Protein backbone atom coordinates (compact mmCIF):
# COMPACT_ATOMS: atom_id res chain seq x y z
CA UNK A 1 24.82 -15.58 3.43
CA UNK A 2 27.67 -14.81 1.00
CA UNK A 3 27.13 -15.29 -2.73
CA UNK A 4 28.70 -13.69 -5.81
CA UNK A 5 30.56 -11.01 -3.88
CA UNK A 6 27.52 -9.95 -1.83
CA UNK A 7 26.60 -10.50 1.81
CA UNK A 8 22.88 -11.01 2.59
CA UNK A 9 21.48 -10.68 6.09
CA UNK A 10 18.42 -9.74 8.10
CA UNK A 11 18.65 -6.00 8.68
CA UNK A 12 19.09 -4.58 12.17
CA UNK A 13 18.97 -1.02 13.50
CA UNK A 14 22.60 -0.65 12.46
CA UNK A 15 21.49 -1.05 8.83
CA UNK A 16 18.90 1.70 9.00
CA UNK A 17 20.92 4.38 7.13
CA UNK A 18 21.47 1.93 4.27
CA UNK A 19 17.77 0.97 4.24
CA UNK A 20 16.71 4.59 3.99
CA UNK A 21 19.27 5.26 1.25
CA UNK A 22 18.09 2.32 -0.84
CA UNK A 23 14.44 3.40 -0.52
CA UNK A 24 14.96 7.09 -1.22
CA UNK A 25 17.43 6.74 -4.11
CA UNK A 26 15.63 4.01 -6.08
CA UNK A 27 12.32 5.18 -7.53
CA UNK A 28 9.67 3.05 -9.18
CA UNK A 29 9.34 3.52 -12.94
CA UNK A 30 6.30 4.51 -14.97
CA UNK A 31 4.77 7.73 -16.25
CA UNK A 32 5.62 9.16 -12.82
CA UNK A 33 8.69 8.01 -10.88
CA UNK A 34 7.98 7.75 -7.16
CA UNK A 35 10.29 7.10 -4.23
CA UNK A 36 8.63 5.70 -1.11
CA UNK A 37 10.72 6.94 1.78
CA UNK A 38 10.76 5.82 5.43
CA UNK A 39 11.96 8.75 7.47
CA UNK A 40 13.05 8.81 10.24
CA UNK A 41 12.50 5.11 11.08
CA UNK A 42 12.51 2.46 8.37
CA UNK A 43 11.08 -0.13 10.78
CA UNK A 44 8.03 1.92 11.81
CA UNK A 45 5.91 1.55 8.67
CA UNK A 46 3.74 -1.31 9.98
CA UNK A 47 2.69 0.76 13.03
CA UNK A 48 3.12 -2.18 15.37
CA UNK A 49 0.37 -4.12 13.56
CA UNK A 50 2.50 -6.91 12.10
CA UNK A 51 3.27 -10.31 13.60
CA UNK A 52 6.75 -9.88 12.11
CA UNK A 53 8.48 -7.20 10.03
CA UNK A 54 11.92 -7.69 8.51
CA UNK A 55 14.20 -6.53 5.73
CA UNK A 56 16.76 -8.62 3.87
CA UNK A 57 19.63 -6.33 2.90
CA UNK A 58 22.60 -7.05 0.63
CA UNK A 59 26.00 -5.36 0.70
CA UNK A 60 28.88 -5.62 -1.73
CA UNK A 61 31.45 -7.64 0.20
CA UNK A 62 34.52 -5.81 -1.14
CA UNK A 63 33.30 -2.23 -0.54
CA UNK A 64 30.44 -2.46 1.96
CA UNK A 65 28.14 -0.57 -0.43
CA UNK A 66 24.42 -1.34 -0.06
CA UNK A 67 23.26 -3.34 -3.09
CA UNK A 68 19.58 -4.05 -2.55
CA UNK A 69 16.80 -4.96 -0.16
CA UNK A 70 13.45 -6.67 0.18
CA UNK A 71 10.87 -6.17 2.93
CA UNK A 72 8.60 -8.81 4.43
CA UNK A 73 5.88 -8.33 6.99
CA UNK A 74 3.07 -10.56 8.18
CA UNK A 75 -0.44 -9.42 9.14
CA UNK A 76 -3.75 -11.14 9.74
CA UNK A 77 -5.87 -11.03 6.60
CA UNK A 78 -8.88 -12.79 5.14
CA UNK A 79 -7.87 -15.46 2.63
CA UNK A 80 -10.76 -17.45 1.18
CA UNK A 81 -12.94 -16.22 4.02
CA UNK A 82 -10.66 -17.39 6.82
CA UNK A 83 -8.29 -15.42 9.05
CA UNK A 84 -4.69 -16.23 8.13
CA UNK A 85 -1.21 -14.85 8.70
CA UNK A 86 -0.51 -13.40 5.26
CA UNK A 87 3.05 -12.33 4.40
CA UNK A 88 3.56 -9.32 2.15
CA UNK A 89 6.70 -8.75 0.10
CA UNK A 90 7.53 -5.19 -0.81
CA UNK A 91 10.27 -2.56 -1.16
CA UNK A 92 12.22 -4.69 -3.65
CA UNK A 93 15.06 -2.34 -4.60
CA UNK A 94 18.42 -2.85 -6.33
CA UNK A 95 20.88 0.02 -6.68
CA UNK A 96 21.45 1.18 -10.25
CA UNK A 97 25.07 -0.07 -10.47
CA UNK A 98 23.96 -3.62 -9.67
CA UNK A 99 20.84 -3.99 -11.79
CA UNK A 100 20.55 -6.61 -14.54
CA UNK A 101 22.43 -9.08 -12.36
CA UNK A 102 19.99 -11.92 -12.02
CA UNK A 103 22.11 -13.68 -9.41
CA UNK A 104 21.62 -10.82 -6.94
CA UNK A 105 17.85 -11.13 -7.17
CA UNK A 106 17.91 -14.92 -7.12
CA UNK A 107 20.05 -15.03 -3.99
CA UNK A 108 17.95 -12.33 -2.36
CA UNK A 109 14.83 -14.42 -2.81
CA UNK A 110 16.59 -17.45 -1.34
CA UNK A 111 17.59 -15.32 1.65
CA UNK A 112 13.97 -14.22 2.15
CA UNK A 113 12.83 -17.83 1.97
CA UNK A 114 15.52 -19.27 4.27
CA UNK A 115 15.99 -16.47 6.82
CA UNK A 116 12.45 -15.21 7.35
CA UNK A 117 9.05 -16.69 8.09
CA UNK A 118 7.28 -18.58 10.82
CA UNK A 119 5.58 -21.94 10.89
CA UNK A 120 2.15 -20.32 11.29
CA UNK A 121 2.57 -18.02 8.27
CA UNK A 122 0.93 -18.90 4.96
CA UNK A 123 3.42 -20.59 2.60
CA UNK A 124 2.99 -17.83 0.01
CA UNK A 125 3.10 -14.05 0.06
CA UNK A 126 1.22 -11.17 -1.55
CA UNK A 127 3.07 -8.53 -3.54
CA UNK A 128 2.30 -5.67 -5.91
CA UNK A 129 4.05 -4.52 -9.10
CA UNK A 130 3.38 -1.14 -10.68
CA UNK A 131 1.51 -1.88 -13.91
CA UNK A 132 3.72 0.26 -16.14
CA UNK A 133 6.97 -0.97 -14.60
CA UNK A 134 7.60 -3.22 -17.58
CA UNK A 135 11.14 -4.18 -16.60
CA UNK A 136 10.18 -5.44 -13.13
CA UNK A 137 7.19 -7.33 -14.50
CA UNK A 138 9.21 -9.02 -17.24
CA UNK A 139 11.99 -10.10 -14.90
CA UNK A 140 9.93 -11.21 -11.92
CA UNK A 141 7.23 -13.01 -13.90
CA UNK A 142 9.53 -14.70 -16.43
CA UNK A 143 9.83 -17.99 -14.55
CA UNK A 144 13.62 -17.66 -14.15
CA UNK A 145 15.28 -20.64 -12.51
CA UNK A 146 15.68 -20.09 -8.78
CA UNK A 147 13.01 -17.39 -8.61
CA UNK A 148 9.70 -17.96 -6.84
CA UNK A 149 6.58 -18.17 -8.97
CA UNK A 150 4.61 -14.96 -9.45
CA UNK A 151 0.94 -15.92 -9.84
CA UNK A 152 -1.44 -13.12 -10.96
CA UNK A 153 -3.98 -12.32 -8.24
CA UNK A 154 -5.81 -9.25 -9.52
CA UNK A 155 -5.35 -5.61 -10.40
CA UNK A 156 -5.52 -2.59 -8.10
CA UNK A 157 -6.10 1.07 -8.85
CA UNK A 158 -4.89 3.77 -6.50
CA UNK A 159 -6.66 7.09 -7.02
CA UNK A 160 -5.28 10.49 -6.08
CA UNK A 161 -8.21 12.87 -5.60
CA UNK A 162 -8.02 16.58 -5.04
CA UNK A 163 -9.62 17.55 -1.74
CA UNK A 164 -12.28 20.25 -1.74
CA UNK A 165 -14.44 22.29 0.59
CA UNK A 166 -18.05 21.27 0.95
CA UNK A 167 -20.67 20.93 3.65
CA UNK A 168 -20.63 17.51 5.26
CA UNK A 169 -23.83 15.52 4.91
CA UNK A 170 -25.45 15.27 8.38
CA UNK A 171 -25.71 11.51 7.95
CA UNK A 172 -21.91 11.26 8.16
CA UNK A 173 -20.43 11.66 11.64
CA UNK A 174 -16.92 12.04 13.02
CA UNK A 175 -16.30 9.04 15.26
CA UNK A 176 -15.37 9.06 18.95
CA UNK A 177 -13.37 6.61 21.06
CA UNK A 178 -16.61 4.89 22.03
CA UNK A 179 -17.22 4.04 18.36
CA UNK A 180 -13.96 2.15 17.79
CA UNK A 181 -15.18 -1.35 18.83
CA UNK A 182 -18.24 -1.01 16.57
CA UNK A 183 -16.05 0.20 13.69
CA UNK A 184 -13.71 -2.78 14.13
CA UNK A 185 -16.67 -5.18 14.20
CA UNK A 186 -18.19 -3.59 11.08
CA UNK A 187 -14.86 -3.84 9.24
CA UNK A 188 -14.49 -7.52 10.13
CA UNK A 189 -18.05 -8.32 9.10
CA UNK A 190 -17.65 -6.49 5.76
CA UNK A 191 -14.09 -7.51 4.88
CA UNK A 192 -14.58 -11.25 5.36
CA UNK A 193 -16.19 -11.43 1.90
CA UNK A 194 -13.07 -9.99 0.22
CA UNK A 195 -9.69 -11.50 -0.58
CA UNK A 196 -6.54 -10.27 1.24
CA UNK A 197 -8.53 -7.70 3.26
CA UNK A 198 -6.95 -6.88 6.64
CA UNK A 199 -8.43 -8.15 9.87
CA UNK A 200 -8.95 -5.15 12.18
CA UNK A 201 -9.28 -6.16 15.81
CA UNK A 202 -10.59 -3.96 18.59
CA UNK A 203 -7.06 -3.93 19.99
CA UNK A 204 -5.58 -2.74 16.66
CA UNK A 205 -7.84 0.31 16.48
CA UNK A 206 -7.38 1.08 20.17
CA UNK A 207 -3.59 0.85 19.86
CA UNK A 208 -3.48 3.17 16.85
CA UNK A 209 -5.72 5.65 18.64
CA UNK A 210 -3.73 5.53 21.89
CA UNK A 211 -0.50 6.22 20.00
CA UNK A 212 -2.16 9.09 18.10
CA UNK A 213 -1.29 7.26 14.88
CA UNK A 214 -4.96 7.08 13.92
CA UNK A 215 -7.14 8.77 16.57
CA UNK A 216 -10.87 8.16 16.70
CA UNK A 217 -11.67 11.55 15.15
CA UNK A 218 -9.90 10.39 11.99
CA UNK A 219 -12.85 8.07 11.21
CA UNK A 220 -16.07 9.02 9.50
CA UNK A 221 -19.11 6.77 9.88
CA UNK A 222 -22.65 6.62 8.51
CA UNK A 223 -25.40 4.96 10.51
CA UNK A 224 -28.82 3.57 9.78
CA UNK A 225 -31.10 2.73 12.72
CA UNK A 226 -28.12 3.11 15.03
CA UNK A 227 -25.88 0.66 13.16
CA UNK A 228 -22.77 1.59 11.19
CA UNK A 229 -23.31 1.05 7.46
CA UNK A 230 -20.23 2.81 6.07
CA UNK A 231 -16.88 4.02 7.35
CA UNK A 232 -13.58 5.47 6.22
CA UNK A 233 -10.50 6.81 8.01
CA UNK A 234 -8.24 9.73 7.15
CA UNK A 235 -4.81 8.25 7.84
CA UNK A 236 -1.93 10.72 7.77
CA UNK A 237 1.27 8.67 7.55
CA UNK A 238 3.60 11.54 6.71
CA UNK A 239 5.51 11.26 9.99
CA UNK A 240 6.61 7.73 9.03
CA UNK A 241 6.18 7.24 5.27
CA UNK A 242 6.69 9.80 2.51
CA UNK A 243 6.12 9.73 -1.25
CA UNK A 244 8.55 11.85 -3.25
CA UNK A 245 8.24 12.79 -6.94
CA UNK A 246 11.48 11.80 -8.69
CA UNK A 247 10.47 12.50 -12.28
CA UNK A 248 7.96 12.10 -15.09
CA UNK A 249 8.07 10.40 -18.45
CA UNK A 250 9.17 12.77 -21.20
CA UNK A 251 5.69 13.32 -22.68
CA UNK A 252 4.19 14.03 -19.24
CA UNK A 253 7.07 16.32 -18.27
CA UNK A 254 6.57 18.36 -21.45
CA UNK A 255 2.80 18.58 -20.95
CA UNK A 256 2.96 19.19 -17.19
CA UNK A 257 2.63 23.02 -17.31
CA UNK A 258 -0.46 22.74 -19.51
CA UNK A 259 -1.92 19.93 -17.38
CA UNK A 260 -1.45 22.00 -14.23
CA UNK A 261 -2.98 25.08 -15.83
CA UNK A 262 -6.21 23.23 -16.54
CA UNK A 263 -6.28 21.02 -13.42
CA UNK A 264 -8.09 23.55 -11.17
CA UNK A 265 -10.73 24.15 -13.84
CA UNK A 266 -11.73 20.50 -13.93
CA UNK A 267 -11.09 19.71 -10.25
CA UNK A 268 -8.16 17.38 -10.97
CA UNK A 269 -4.98 17.11 -8.89
CA UNK A 270 -1.95 19.06 -10.08
CA UNK A 271 1.24 17.23 -11.00
CA UNK A 272 3.75 18.31 -8.31
CA UNK A 273 7.24 19.53 -9.11
CA UNK A 274 10.06 17.01 -9.25
CA UNK A 275 11.71 16.62 -5.86
CA UNK A 276 8.61 17.53 -3.86
CA UNK A 277 7.00 15.31 -1.22
CA UNK A 278 3.27 14.75 -1.60
CA UNK A 279 1.04 16.24 1.09
CA UNK A 280 -1.51 13.47 1.06
CA UNK A 281 -3.74 11.47 3.34
CA UNK A 282 -4.91 7.88 2.85
CA UNK A 283 -8.62 7.12 2.85
CA UNK A 284 -8.18 3.80 4.61
CA UNK A 285 -10.50 1.41 6.48
CA UNK A 286 -13.03 1.92 3.69
CA UNK A 287 -16.14 -0.26 3.95
CA UNK A 288 -19.72 0.11 2.75
CA UNK A 289 -22.50 -2.32 3.68
CA UNK A 290 -24.23 -3.85 0.70
CA UNK A 291 -21.77 -2.11 -1.64
CA UNK A 292 -24.10 0.87 -1.87
CA UNK A 293 -22.96 3.44 -4.45
CA UNK A 294 -25.03 6.17 -2.78
CA UNK A 295 -23.45 5.51 0.62
CA UNK A 296 -19.94 5.55 -0.84
CA UNK A 297 -20.55 8.83 -2.67
CA UNK A 298 -21.78 10.60 0.47
CA UNK A 299 -18.94 9.14 2.54
CA UNK A 300 -16.16 10.12 0.13
CA UNK A 301 -17.51 13.65 -0.27
CA UNK A 302 -17.39 14.05 3.49
CA UNK A 303 -13.89 12.55 3.67
CA UNK A 304 -12.55 14.90 0.99
CA UNK A 305 -14.06 17.90 2.75
CA UNK A 306 -12.59 16.88 6.12
CA UNK A 307 -9.21 16.25 4.48
CA UNK A 308 -9.26 19.80 3.08
CA UNK A 309 -10.18 21.21 6.50
CA UNK A 310 -7.17 19.41 7.98
CA UNK A 311 -4.76 20.83 5.41
CA UNK A 312 -4.35 18.00 2.88
CA UNK A 313 -4.24 18.69 -0.84
CA UNK A 314 -4.62 15.10 -2.01
CA UNK A 315 -6.50 12.08 -0.70
CA UNK A 316 -5.50 8.59 -1.80
CA UNK A 317 -7.87 5.64 -2.01
CA UNK A 318 -7.25 2.15 -3.41
CA UNK A 319 -9.69 -0.33 -4.94
CA UNK A 320 -9.45 -3.52 -6.93
CA UNK A 321 -10.27 -3.22 -10.62
CA UNK A 322 -13.07 -5.74 -10.02
CA UNK A 323 -14.56 -3.86 -7.08
CA UNK A 324 -18.24 -3.15 -7.86
CA UNK A 325 -17.91 0.42 -6.55
CA UNK A 326 -14.79 1.48 -8.43
CA UNK A 327 -16.94 3.25 -11.02
CA UNK A 328 -18.26 5.55 -8.27
CA UNK A 329 -14.75 6.96 -7.81
CA UNK A 330 -14.02 7.23 -11.54
CA UNK A 331 -17.32 8.95 -12.33
CA UNK A 332 -17.53 11.12 -9.25
CA UNK A 333 -14.14 12.85 -9.33
CA UNK A 334 -11.31 13.81 -11.66
CA UNK A 335 -8.51 11.59 -10.40
CA UNK A 336 -4.97 10.55 -11.13
CA UNK A 337 -5.10 6.77 -11.38
CA UNK A 338 -2.12 4.50 -10.69
CA UNK A 339 -2.51 0.84 -11.62
CA UNK A 340 -0.70 -2.02 -9.96
CA UNK A 341 -0.80 -5.77 -10.40
CA UNK A 342 -1.22 -8.09 -7.43
CA UNK A 343 0.67 -11.36 -7.44
CA UNK A 344 0.95 -14.28 -5.07
CA UNK A 345 4.59 -15.26 -4.62
CA UNK A 346 5.17 -18.93 -3.95
CA UNK A 347 8.05 -21.35 -4.15
CA UNK A 348 7.89 -24.43 -6.37
CA UNK A 349 7.11 -27.46 -4.26
CA UNK A 350 5.42 -25.49 -1.46
CA UNK A 351 1.71 -25.51 -0.80
CA UNK A 352 0.20 -23.34 -3.50
CA UNK A 353 -2.35 -20.54 -3.31
CA UNK A 354 -5.89 -21.81 -3.83
CA UNK A 355 -7.63 -18.84 -5.42
CA UNK A 356 -11.32 -18.27 -4.77
CA UNK A 357 -12.10 -16.29 -7.93
CA UNK A 358 -15.46 -15.17 -6.54
CA UNK A 359 -13.73 -12.93 -3.97
CA UNK A 360 -12.65 -9.43 -4.95
CA UNK A 361 -9.17 -8.45 -3.69
CA UNK A 362 -9.19 -5.73 -1.06
CA UNK A 363 -5.74 -5.25 0.49
CA UNK A 364 -5.20 -2.00 2.37
CA UNK A 365 -3.06 0.29 0.19
CA UNK A 366 -2.08 2.32 3.25
CA UNK A 367 -0.20 -0.75 4.50
CA UNK A 368 1.36 -1.85 1.21
C-alpha cells in the first residue's frame, strides 16, 4: 500500500532490523519514558501462543527510512464469559521526524484493517494507552475521520514491587510438571468470570515448560484439601523482551537522588539510571479463588521472596483498577504504580463490542 510518500506492508524477517529500531528508539511518554525492546527477535514476544502475530510497517518511499509500525496478535481470551479469538493492537510507534502527520496514522490503521485479520477473529481489538501519555490519548480518542473508534474499556495499574528476602509460608508450594494440568484448569475456572482474561490450555503451559520459557518450577501454588486455590508464575521474559529507561520528567529527574536515598528505608523500588534495562520478572498467571485477600497476601510474599532468591530486583504485577484485590497490593507494599487505559478499537459499521460492565478486566500484562 502506497499513500502520501509512504509504503505500508506486513513485516517479514527482512524488516526485523527496522522493527527493532522503531521499538528501541521511540519511548512512551509520561513521568518515566520507557522503551519496550524486542531483542534479538521481534517476532518472538508472543511465545508461540498466538493464533496470528503480525506487524504493519511503513517506510518513506523516497529514502527507505522506517516511519512507523503497529503490532497485532490474536489469542484466545474470555469475552463476556465465552472463549473468543481476541486481537490485541500494540507497539504503535511513529518516528519523531514523522509525528503530527495524521495521514500516516490514518493509513496505518487502514493497512491493519485491510491486510490483517481472520474470519474467526473478533471484529474489534483490545489496546492499552499509558494514562499520562496525553498526546497519544488526545489523538487516538479524538474521533478523527478515518480512524477507528477507541471505546474506553477500563483502567489498569501495573505495580513495580521491590523483591525481598523472607521465609516462604509452608502453605505455598513450588509447582512441578505434574501440577501443570491442574494449574491450567484452575486458571480457566477462575478467569472465565473476568473480561479479556487469557485462556490457558494444558497445551499452552506444557509448551512453555518444554521450551524452558516458563518451567513448572516458576509457578507457586496454594492448596486447600488438595485443590489449588491460588497460583502465580514468575515469568522472566528478559531473553525476548526488555524495558529500558529512556528518561524522567524534569521534576522526577531532579528529585531522583533523594527518592533513591529514601527508597531502601521504606522498601520502595529505586528509580534506575537513564539508559539502564530493568532486571524484572512478571508475576503472571495470577489467580485467587474467591478473591481472598489473605490468600493473595501470602502468595505475593512468597513470590517476592522467590524472585529475590532468583536474582530479580523488581517484580511486576498488573491489575484492573476495579479489581477487588488491588488494595491488597497498594496497602501491602511500597510500589511504583503505572496506570494505563484499556480501549476497544473498532471500525465504524463493524459489529461493536457489547460490554458486560459486571466483569472486571483482567488481561495479562506480561503479554501486552
